[in-house]
Amino acid sequence: FTSSYEKNARDLVNRLRNQGFSAYLNRYQASSNKVLFRVRVGRTNRADAETLLRRLKSEANLKDPQLRKL
């Protein structure tokens, strides 16, 4: 999840944490100098990441969570 509104991102982080996910907020400055707030969940290996992705879809009701290697 990415938002230009910090409150929206923090609200999602809190909701995910309350559901047992290891969510955190990442502040990012885009090339347009616009500040964006990204919600990230977990640091894990690829196999566990696939399971986490399925859980985010089913348990957290996120429509399109993305899996990214950081």
C-alpha atoms as a PDB file:
ATOM      1  CA  PHE A   1       0.000   0.000   0.000  1.00  0.00           C
ATOM      2  CA  THR A   2       1.268   3.452  -0.881  1.00  0.00           C
ATOM      3  CA  SER A   3      -0.355   6.727   0.087  1.00  0.00           C
ATOM      4  CA  SER A   4       0.541  10.382   0.143  1.00  0.00           C
ATOM      5  CA  TYR A   5      -1.407  10.558   3.418  1.00  0.00           C
ATOM      6  CA  GLU A   6       0.597   9.366   6.398  1.00  0.00           C
ATOM      7  CA  LYS A   7      -2.542   8.835   8.496  1.00  0.00           C
ATOM      8  CA  ASN A   8      -3.994   6.368   5.977  1.00  0.00           C
ATOM      9  CA  ALA A   9      -0.766   4.396   5.911  1.00  0.00           C
ATOM     10  CA  ARG A  10      -0.459   4.399   9.717  1.00  0.00           C
ATOM     11  CA  ASP A  11      -4.066   3.267  10.072  1.00  0.00           C
ATOM     12  CA  LEU A  12      -3.371   0.282   7.802  1.00  0.00           C
ATOM     13  CA  VAL A  13      -0.152  -0.557   9.686  1.00  0.00           C
ATOM     14  CA  ASN A  14      -2.090  -0.552  12.964  1.00  0.00           C
ATOM     15  CA  ARG A  15      -4.895  -2.698  11.510  1.00  0.00           C
ATOM     16  CA  LEU A  16      -2.411  -5.246  10.150  1.00  0.00           C
ATOM     17  CA  ARG A  17      -0.469  -5.345  13.426  1.00  0.00           C
ATOM     18  CA  ASN A  18      -3.716  -5.936  15.319  1.00  0.00           C
ATOM     19  CA  GLN A  19      -4.298  -8.907  13.005  1.00  0.00           C
ATOM     20  CA  GLY A  20      -0.870 -10.316  13.865  1.00  0.00           C
ATOM     21  CA  PHE A  21       1.128  -9.184  10.830  1.00  0.00           C
ATOM     22  CA  SER A  22       4.572  -7.598  11.211  1.00  0.00           C
ATOM     23  CA  ALA A  23       3.677  -4.404   9.359  1.00  0.00           C
ATOM     24  CA  TYR A  24       5.761  -1.245   9.284  1.00  0.00           C
ATOM     25  CA  LEU A  25       5.763   2.143   7.595  1.00  0.00           C
ATOM     26  CA  ASN A  26       8.376   3.283   5.085  1.00  0.00           C
ATOM     27  CA  ARG A  27       8.660   6.957   4.120  1.00  0.00           C
ATOM     28  CA  TYR A  28       9.703   7.416   0.482  1.00  0.00           C
ATOM     29  CA  GLN A  29      10.482  10.524  -1.544  1.00  0.00           C
ATOM     30  CA  ALA A  30       9.443  10.113  -5.162  1.00  0.00           C
ATOM     31  CA  SER A  31      11.361  11.659  -8.041  1.00  0.00           C
ATOM     32  CA  SER A  32       8.743  14.420  -8.152  1.00  0.00           C
ATOM     33  CA  ASN A  33       9.799  15.356  -4.579  1.00  0.00           C
ATOM     34  CA  LYS A  34       6.424  14.124  -3.379  1.00  0.00           C
ATOM     35  CA  VAL A  35       6.586  12.232  -0.078  1.00  0.00           C
ATOM     36  CA  LEU A  36       4.840   8.860  -0.081  1.00  0.00           C
ATOM     37  CA  PHE A  37       4.197   6.458   2.772  1.00  0.00           C
ATOM     38  CA  ARG A  38       4.493   2.756   2.014  1.00  0.00           C
ATOM     39  CA  VAL A  39       3.172  -0.046   4.162  1.00  0.00           C
ATOM     40  CA  ARG A  40       5.422  -3.095   4.252  1.00  0.00           C
ATOM     41  CA  VAL A  41       4.788  -6.464   5.868  1.00  0.00           C
ATOM     42  CA  GLY A  42       7.424  -8.928   7.038  1.00  0.00           C
ATOM     43  CA  ARG A  43      10.913  -9.843   6.032  1.00  0.00           C
ATOM     44  CA  THR A  44      11.045 -13.446   5.000  1.00  0.00           C
ATOM     45  CA  ASN A  45      12.257 -15.991   2.458  1.00  0.00           C
ATOM     46  CA  ARG A  46      10.456 -16.507  -0.862  1.00  0.00           C
ATOM     47  CA  ALA A  47       8.465 -19.599   0.201  1.00  0.00           C
ATOM     48  CA  ASP A  48       7.185 -17.938   3.368  1.00  0.00           C
ATOM     49  CA  ALA A  49       6.477 -14.754   1.423  1.00  0.00           C
ATOM     50  CA  GLU A  50       4.048 -16.625  -0.831  1.00  0.00           C
ATOM     51  CA  THR A  51       2.183 -17.863   2.255  1.00  0.00           C
ATOM     52  CA  LEU A  52       2.176 -14.346   3.698  1.00  0.00           C
ATOM     53  CA  LEU A  53       0.765 -13.012   0.427  1.00  0.00           C
ATOM     54  CA  ARG A  54      -2.130 -15.475   0.570  1.00  0.00           C
ATOM     55  CA  ARG A  55      -2.809 -14.562   4.224  1.00  0.00           C
ATOM     56  CA  LEU A  56      -2.882 -10.845   3.394  1.00  0.00           C
ATOM     57  CA  LYS A  57      -5.485 -11.525   0.717  1.00  0.00           C
ATOM     58  CA  SER A  58      -7.688 -13.780   2.832  1.00  0.00           C
ATOM     59  CA  GLU A  59      -7.258 -12.569   6.418  1.00  0.00           C
ATOM     60  CA  ALA A  60      -6.555  -8.861   5.921  1.00  0.00           C
ATOM     61  CA  ASN A  61      -8.862  -8.558   2.882  1.00  0.00           C
ATOM     62  CA  LEU A  62      -6.258  -6.721   0.818  1.00  0.00           C
ATOM     63  CA  LYS A  63      -7.206  -6.811  -2.854  1.00  0.00           C
ATOM     64  CA  ASP A  64      -3.826  -6.780  -4.535  1.00  0.00           C
ATOM     65  CA  PRO A  65      -0.871  -7.089  -2.164  1.00  0.00           C
ATOM     66  CA  GLN A  66       2.434  -7.174  -4.012  1.00  0.00           C
ATOM     67  CA  LEU A  67       5.462  -9.296  -3.356  1.00  0.00           C
ATOM     68  CA  ARG A  68       8.725  -7.376  -3.716  1.00  0.00           C
ATOM     69  CA  LYS A  69      12.307  -8.357  -3.110  1.00  0.00           C
ATOM     70  CA  LEU A  70      13.955  -5.545  -1.158  1.00  0.00           C
END
